[in-house]
C-alpha atoms as a PDB file:
ATOM      1  CA  MET A   1      -0.101  -0.279   0.058  1.00  0.00           C
ATOM      2  CA  LYS A   2       2.590   2.533   0.685  1.00  0.00           C
ATOM      3  CA  SER A   3       4.662   1.589  -2.601  1.00  0.00           C
ATOM      4  CA  LYS A   4       1.383   2.352  -4.573  1.00  0.00           C
ATOM      5  CA  PHE A   5       1.149   5.673  -1.944  1.00  0.00           C
ATOM      6  CA  ILE A   6       4.830   7.210  -3.431  1.00  0.00           C
ATOM      7  CA  LEU A   7       3.729   5.558  -6.806  1.00  0.00           C
ATOM      8  CA  ILE A   8       1.257   7.509  -6.643  1.00  0.00           C
ATOM      9  CA  SER A   9       2.898  11.154  -5.054  1.00  0.00           C
ATOM     10  CA  ILE A  10       5.484  10.895  -7.988  1.00  0.00           C
ATOM     11  CA  VAL A  11       2.929  10.510 -10.789  1.00  0.00           C
ATOM     12  CA  ILE A  12       0.929  13.652  -9.815  1.00  0.00           C
ATOM     13  CA  SER A  13       3.999  15.969  -8.885  1.00  0.00           C
ATOM     14  CA  THR A  14       5.037  15.162 -12.444  1.00  0.00           C
ATOM     15  CA  PHE A  15       2.448  16.382 -14.040  1.00  0.00           C
ATOM     16  CA  PHE A  16       2.402  19.388 -11.907  1.00  0.00           C
ATOM     17  CA  ILE A  17       6.117  19.663 -12.933  1.00  0.00           C
ATOM     18  CA  VAL A  18       5.121  19.611 -16.784  1.00  0.00           C
ATOM     19  CA  GLY A  19       2.226  21.911 -16.157  1.00  0.00           C
ATOM     20  CA  CYS A  20       4.916  24.165 -14.793  1.00  0.00           C
ATOM     21  CA  SER A  21       7.550  24.502 -17.809  1.00  0.00           C
ATOM     22  CA  GLU A  22       4.876  24.603 -20.010  1.00  0.00           C
ATOM     23  CA  SER A  23       3.350  27.551 -18.275  1.00  0.00           C
ATOM     24  CA  ASP A  24       6.290  29.824 -18.998  1.00  0.00           C
ATOM     25  CA  ASP A  25       6.063  29.428 -22.770  1.00  0.00           C
ATOM     26  CA  SER A  26       3.600  32.293 -21.886  1.00  0.00           C
ATOM     27  CA  GLU A  27       6.279  34.572 -21.253  1.00  0.00           C
ATOM     28  CA  SER A  28       8.213  33.794 -24.647  1.00  0.00           C
ATOM     29  CA  ASN A  29       6.566  37.216 -26.070  1.00  0.00           C
ATOM     30  CA  THR A  30       8.788  39.162 -23.729  1.00  0.00           C
ATOM     31  CA  GLU A  31      11.668  37.302 -24.371  1.00  0.00           C
ATOM     32  CA  THR A  32      11.589  37.596 -27.941  1.00  0.00           C
ATOM     33  CA  CYS A  33      10.446  41.498 -27.723  1.00  0.00           C
ATOM     34  CA  GLY A  34      13.742  42.395 -29.415  1.00  0.00           C
ATOM     35  CA  ASN A  35      14.792  40.462 -32.109  1.00  0.00           C
ATOM     36  CA  SER A  36      13.370  42.551 -35.356  1.00  0.00           C
ATOM     37  CA  THR A  37      10.230  40.066 -35.733  1.00  0.00           C
ATOM     38  CA  ILE A  38       6.843  41.174 -35.196  1.00  0.00           C
ATOM     39  CA  GLU A  39       5.117  38.047 -33.238  1.00  0.00           C
ATOM     40  CA  GLU A  40       2.195  37.761 -31.253  1.00  0.00           C
ATOM     41  CA  GLY A  41       1.242  40.610 -28.873  1.00  0.00           C
ATOM     42  CA  GLU A  42       3.874  42.640 -30.777  1.00  0.00           C
ATOM     43  CA  GLU A  43       2.751  45.663 -32.445  1.00  0.00           C
ATOM     44  CA  CYS A  44       5.965  46.179 -33.701  1.00  0.00           C
ATOM     45  CA  ASP A  45       9.744  45.407 -32.879  1.00  0.00           C
ATOM     46  CA  LEU A  46      12.555  47.734 -32.928  1.00  0.00           C
ATOM     47  CA  ASP A  47      12.636  49.401 -36.515  1.00  0.00           C
ATOM     48  CA  ASP A  48      10.116  46.940 -37.876  1.00  0.00           C
ATOM     49  CA  LEU A  49       6.735  48.824 -37.260  1.00  0.00           C
ATOM     50  CA  GLY A  50       4.495  46.604 -39.415  1.00  0.00           C
ATOM     51  CA  GLY A  51       4.531  49.043 -41.927  1.00  0.00           C
ATOM     52  CA  GLU A  52       2.341  51.525 -40.171  1.00  0.00           C
ATOM     53  CA  THR A  53       3.185  55.278 -39.566  1.00  0.00           C
ATOM     54  CA  CYS A  54       2.148  58.001 -37.218  1.00  0.00           C
ATOM     55  CA  THR A  55      -0.391  59.206 -40.090  1.00  0.00           C
ATOM     56  CA  SER A  56      -1.715  55.804 -40.838  1.00  0.00           C
ATOM     57  CA  LEU A  57      -2.943  55.820 -37.287  1.00  0.00           C
ATOM     58  CA  GLY A  58      -4.577  58.556 -37.901  1.00  0.00           C
ATOM     59  CA  TYR A  59      -2.240  61.476 -36.566  1.00  0.00           C
ATOM     60  CA  ASN A  60      -1.371  64.291 -38.035  1.00  0.00           C
ATOM     61  CA  GLY A  61       2.287  63.355 -38.500  1.00  0.00           C
ATOM     62  CA  GLY A  62       4.827  62.873 -36.349  1.00  0.00           C
ATOM     63  CA  THR A  63       7.825  60.137 -36.166  1.00  0.00           C
ATOM     64  CA  LEU A  64       6.455  56.909 -34.892  1.00  0.00           C
ATOM     65  CA  SER A  65       8.994  54.641 -32.662  1.00  0.00           C
ATOM     66  CA  CYS A  66       8.823  50.771 -30.632  1.00  0.00           C
ATOM     67  CA  SER A  67       8.868  51.012 -27.075  1.00  0.00           C
ATOM     68  CA  SER A  68      11.136  48.353 -25.054  1.00  0.00           C
ATOM     69  CA  SER A  69       7.947  46.199 -24.483  1.00  0.00           C
ATOM     70  CA  CYS A  70       7.515  46.039 -28.347  1.00  0.00           C
ATOM     71  CA  GLN A  71       4.416  48.240 -28.491  1.00  0.00           C
ATOM     72  CA  TYR A  72       4.322  51.857 -30.506  1.00  0.00           C
ATOM     73  CA  ASP A  73       5.439  54.506 -28.798  1.00  0.00           C
ATOM     74  CA  LEU A  74       3.261  57.402 -29.529  1.00  0.00           C
ATOM     75  CA  SER A  75       4.568  60.764 -28.329  1.00  0.00           C
ATOM     76  CA  SER A  76       5.911  62.003 -31.206  1.00  0.00           C
ATOM     77  CA  CYS A  77       2.781  61.352 -32.764  1.00  0.00           C
ATOM     78  CA  GLN A  78       0.296  63.039 -30.352  1.00  0.00           C
ATOM     79  CA  ALA A  79       2.393  66.036 -30.273  1.00  0.00           C
ATOM     80  CA  ALA A  80       1.210  66.826 -33.788  1.00  0.00           C
ATOM     81  CA  GLY A  81      -2.685  65.695 -33.119  1.00  0.00           C
ATOM     82  CA  GLN A  82      -4.994  63.988 -34.714  1.00  0.00           C
ATOM     83  CA  CYS A  83      -8.208  64.915 -36.709  1.00  0.00           C
ATOM     84  CA  GLY A  84     -10.401  65.160 -33.497  1.00  0.00           C
ATOM     85  CA  ASP A  85      -9.017  66.230 -30.972  1.00  0.00           C
ATOM     86  CA  GLU A  86     -10.635  69.899 -30.690  1.00  0.00           C
ATOM     87  CA  VAL A  87      -7.673  71.929 -31.706  1.00  0.00           C
ATOM     88  CA  LEU A  88      -7.274  73.094 -34.992  1.00  0.00           C
ATOM     89  CA  ASP A  89      -4.050  72.118 -36.679  1.00  0.00           C
ATOM     90  CA  SER A  90      -3.997  75.104 -39.511  1.00  0.00           C
ATOM     91  CA  GLU A  91      -1.205  72.823 -41.644  1.00  0.00           C
ATOM     92  CA  TYR A  92      -3.284  69.680 -41.838  1.00  0.00           C
ATOM     93  CA  GLU A  93      -6.783  70.525 -41.008  1.00  0.00           C
ATOM     94  CA  GLU A  94      -9.025  73.183 -42.005  1.00  0.00           C
ATOM     95  CA  CYS A  95     -11.549  72.781 -39.211  1.00  0.00           C
ATOM     96  CA  ASP A  96     -11.498  70.232 -36.204  1.00  0.00           C
ATOM     97  CA  GLY A  97     -14.231  70.181 -33.606  1.00  0.00           C
ATOM     98  CA  SER A  98     -16.613  73.298 -33.387  1.00  0.00           C
ATOM     99  CA  ASP A  99     -13.809  75.389 -35.290  1.00  0.00           C
END
């Protein structure tokens, strides 16, 4: 009886160990960010912006870049404004909101 209990304990422990090692795959996105290839969960990777620009994302201008977490850094885009932000930018817009 004791040997059956030990055997069952070993089998159950093995399932937990294998299950834990497989769950580490969920962190693979953070491990692959920065390899110059856009993968699942990433908007961009280093200089690969997936063909997007600030203007293609709806902003008036700016320079789109990629953050260290492989998400778009929109700070330069946001500084250029966008249609509907209630700020008239005469370089790009004839009107905006109530203007």
